Protein backbone atom coordinates (compact mmCIF):
# COMPACT_ATOMS: atom_id res chain seq x y z
CA MET A 1 -25.53 -70.74 12.53
CA ARG A 2 -28.70 -68.72 12.33
CA ARG A 3 -26.92 -65.98 10.40
CA ASN A 4 -25.69 -68.51 7.76
CA LYS A 5 -29.25 -69.70 7.08
CA PHE A 6 -30.44 -66.11 6.81
CA THR A 7 -27.55 -65.24 4.46
CA ARG A 8 -28.24 -68.28 2.28
CA ALA A 9 -31.95 -67.38 2.14
CA LEU A 10 -31.09 -63.81 1.05
CA ILE A 11 -28.74 -65.08 -1.64
CA ALA A 12 -31.37 -67.52 -2.91
CA ALA A 13 -34.03 -64.79 -2.97
CA ALA A 14 -31.70 -62.37 -4.76
CA SER A 15 -30.84 -65.03 -7.33
CA LEU A 16 -34.52 -65.75 -7.92
CA LEU A 17 -35.37 -62.06 -8.22
CA GLY A 18 -32.52 -61.58 -10.67
CA ALA A 19 -33.86 -64.41 -12.84
CA ILE A 20 -37.41 -63.04 -13.02
CA PRO A 21 -36.62 -60.32 -15.60
CA LEU A 22 -34.81 -62.92 -17.71
CA MET A 23 -37.82 -65.25 -17.60
CA ALA A 24 -40.12 -62.41 -18.67
CA GLN A 25 -38.09 -61.55 -21.77
CA GLN A 26 -39.60 -62.67 -25.06
CA PRO A 27 -37.37 -64.39 -27.60
CA ALA A 28 -36.44 -62.23 -30.57
CA ALA A 29 -38.92 -62.43 -33.41
CA ALA A 30 -37.68 -64.54 -36.29
CA ALA A 31 -37.20 -62.79 -39.60
CA PRO A 32 -40.09 -63.47 -41.97
CA GLU A 33 -39.53 -66.17 -44.55
CA PHE A 34 -39.09 -65.04 -48.13
CA PRO A 35 -42.30 -65.78 -50.08
CA TYR A 36 -40.96 -67.92 -52.91
CA GLY A 37 -43.34 -68.59 -55.80
CA LYS A 38 -44.79 -67.13 -58.99
CA TYR A 39 -45.68 -63.45 -59.34
CA THR A 40 -47.08 -61.20 -62.03
CA ILE A 41 -44.84 -58.20 -62.68
CA VAL A 42 -46.82 -54.97 -62.30
CA ALA A 43 -45.22 -51.75 -63.61
CA LEU A 44 -45.21 -48.79 -61.24
CA ASP A 45 -43.55 -46.59 -63.83
CA PRO A 46 -44.21 -47.42 -67.50
CA THR A 47 -40.90 -45.77 -68.45
CA TYR A 48 -38.88 -48.55 -66.81
CA GLY A 49 -41.49 -51.27 -66.32
CA PRO A 50 -41.65 -54.43 -68.42
CA PRO A 51 -44.22 -55.04 -71.12
CA PRO A 52 -47.56 -56.45 -69.95
CA GLY A 53 -47.86 -60.21 -69.48
CA MET A 54 -44.50 -60.81 -67.83
CA SER A 55 -44.13 -62.80 -64.66
CA VAL A 56 -41.35 -63.94 -62.37
CA GLU A 57 -40.74 -67.06 -60.36
CA PHE A 58 -38.62 -66.76 -57.23
CA THR A 59 -36.89 -70.00 -56.19
CA PRO A 60 -34.27 -70.47 -53.45
CA THR A 61 -31.51 -70.04 -56.06
CA ALA A 62 -32.98 -68.06 -58.96
CA MET A 63 -35.27 -65.30 -60.12
CA ASN A 64 -36.67 -66.44 -63.48
CA VAL A 65 -38.38 -63.87 -65.69
CA ILE A 66 -41.10 -65.49 -67.80
CA ARG A 67 -42.87 -64.26 -70.94
CA GLY A 68 -45.30 -66.36 -72.93
CA GLY A 69 -44.60 -69.38 -70.72
CA GLN A 70 -40.85 -69.30 -71.50
CA VAL A 71 -37.98 -68.21 -69.24
CA VAL A 72 -36.45 -65.18 -70.97
CA GLU A 73 -34.01 -64.19 -68.21
CA SER A 74 -32.57 -66.00 -65.23
CA HIS A 75 -30.84 -64.26 -62.36
CA GLY A 76 -29.12 -65.79 -59.37
CA LEU A 77 -30.90 -65.21 -56.07
CA SER A 78 -29.81 -65.43 -52.46
CA VAL A 79 -31.94 -64.46 -49.45
CA HIS A 80 -30.46 -63.33 -46.14
CA GLY A 81 -33.31 -62.51 -43.77
CA GLU A 82 -35.05 -59.45 -45.18
CA VAL A 83 -32.38 -58.77 -47.81
CA VAL A 84 -32.30 -60.32 -51.28
CA GLU A 85 -29.14 -60.47 -53.36
CA THR A 86 -29.62 -60.91 -57.07
CA PHE A 87 -27.06 -61.14 -59.82
CA THR A 88 -27.13 -61.66 -63.56
CA LEU A 89 -25.82 -65.03 -64.66
CA GLY A 90 -24.43 -63.56 -67.87
CA GLY A 91 -24.08 -60.23 -69.60
CA SER A 92 -22.35 -57.05 -68.68
CA CYS A 93 -23.30 -56.73 -65.01
CA THR A 94 -22.66 -59.84 -62.94
CA GLU A 95 -22.07 -58.15 -59.56
CA ALA A 96 -24.74 -58.68 -56.90
CA GLY A 97 -27.37 -56.09 -56.12
CA ARG A 98 -28.91 -55.98 -52.63
CA TYR A 99 -32.54 -55.16 -51.94
CA GLN A 100 -34.75 -55.24 -48.89
CA TRP A 101 -37.98 -57.05 -49.67
CA ARG A 102 -41.39 -56.22 -48.21
CA THR A 103 -44.81 -57.75 -48.59
CA ASN A 104 -48.24 -56.20 -48.23
CA GLY A 105 -50.95 -58.78 -48.82
CA LYS A 106 -50.31 -60.33 -52.24
CA LEU A 107 -47.82 -57.61 -53.25
CA MET A 108 -44.06 -57.69 -52.81
CA THR A 109 -41.69 -54.78 -53.44
CA PHE A 110 -37.92 -54.39 -53.37
CA GLU A 111 -36.21 -51.38 -51.83
CA LEU A 112 -32.68 -50.62 -53.01
CA VAL A 113 -29.89 -51.26 -50.50
CA SER A 114 -27.02 -51.21 -53.02
CA ASP A 115 -26.57 -52.22 -56.65
CA PRO A 116 -23.67 -51.42 -58.96
CA CYS A 117 -25.94 -52.08 -61.96
CA SER A 118 -28.09 -48.99 -62.43
CA ASN A 119 -30.28 -50.56 -65.15
CA ARG A 120 -31.22 -53.48 -62.88
CA ALA A 121 -31.87 -51.11 -59.99
CA MET A 122 -34.16 -48.94 -62.14
CA ALA A 123 -36.01 -52.01 -63.44
CA LEU A 124 -36.57 -53.54 -59.98
CA MET A 125 -37.59 -50.25 -58.41
CA ALA A 126 -40.14 -49.61 -61.19
CA VAL A 127 -42.19 -52.75 -60.48
CA GLN A 128 -43.99 -54.62 -57.79
CA PHE A 129 -44.72 -58.32 -57.77
CA GLU A 130 -48.27 -59.64 -57.33
CA ARG A 131 -48.50 -63.21 -56.06
CA GLN A 132 -50.35 -65.51 -58.49
């Protein structure tokens, strides 16, 4: 009888000790939320950058390019964690391009993951977005 109590106590202690590392583990950090809103487009390379005075508004479903207060282009937008997929709603290149987004203060940049549309890739890689 005494051996059964001792055995049960050892099993209980082993179970508790096995649970301690699990209790100490931190939950995985959630991916940052995409910073939707209005941004000024800032050219990094004037060869491929837009003319001055252009802005963009990121919404949960679209990336709207604005000039003079009017939407001049609208692209579909889908966010999956730290990756943005964008596609042209009309025109010659409607396949999605994938970019990893990063923020640094008020600035956001896109890093190319894959994009079958080289002109869009060059345009997005030549700018950064400054939050208004």
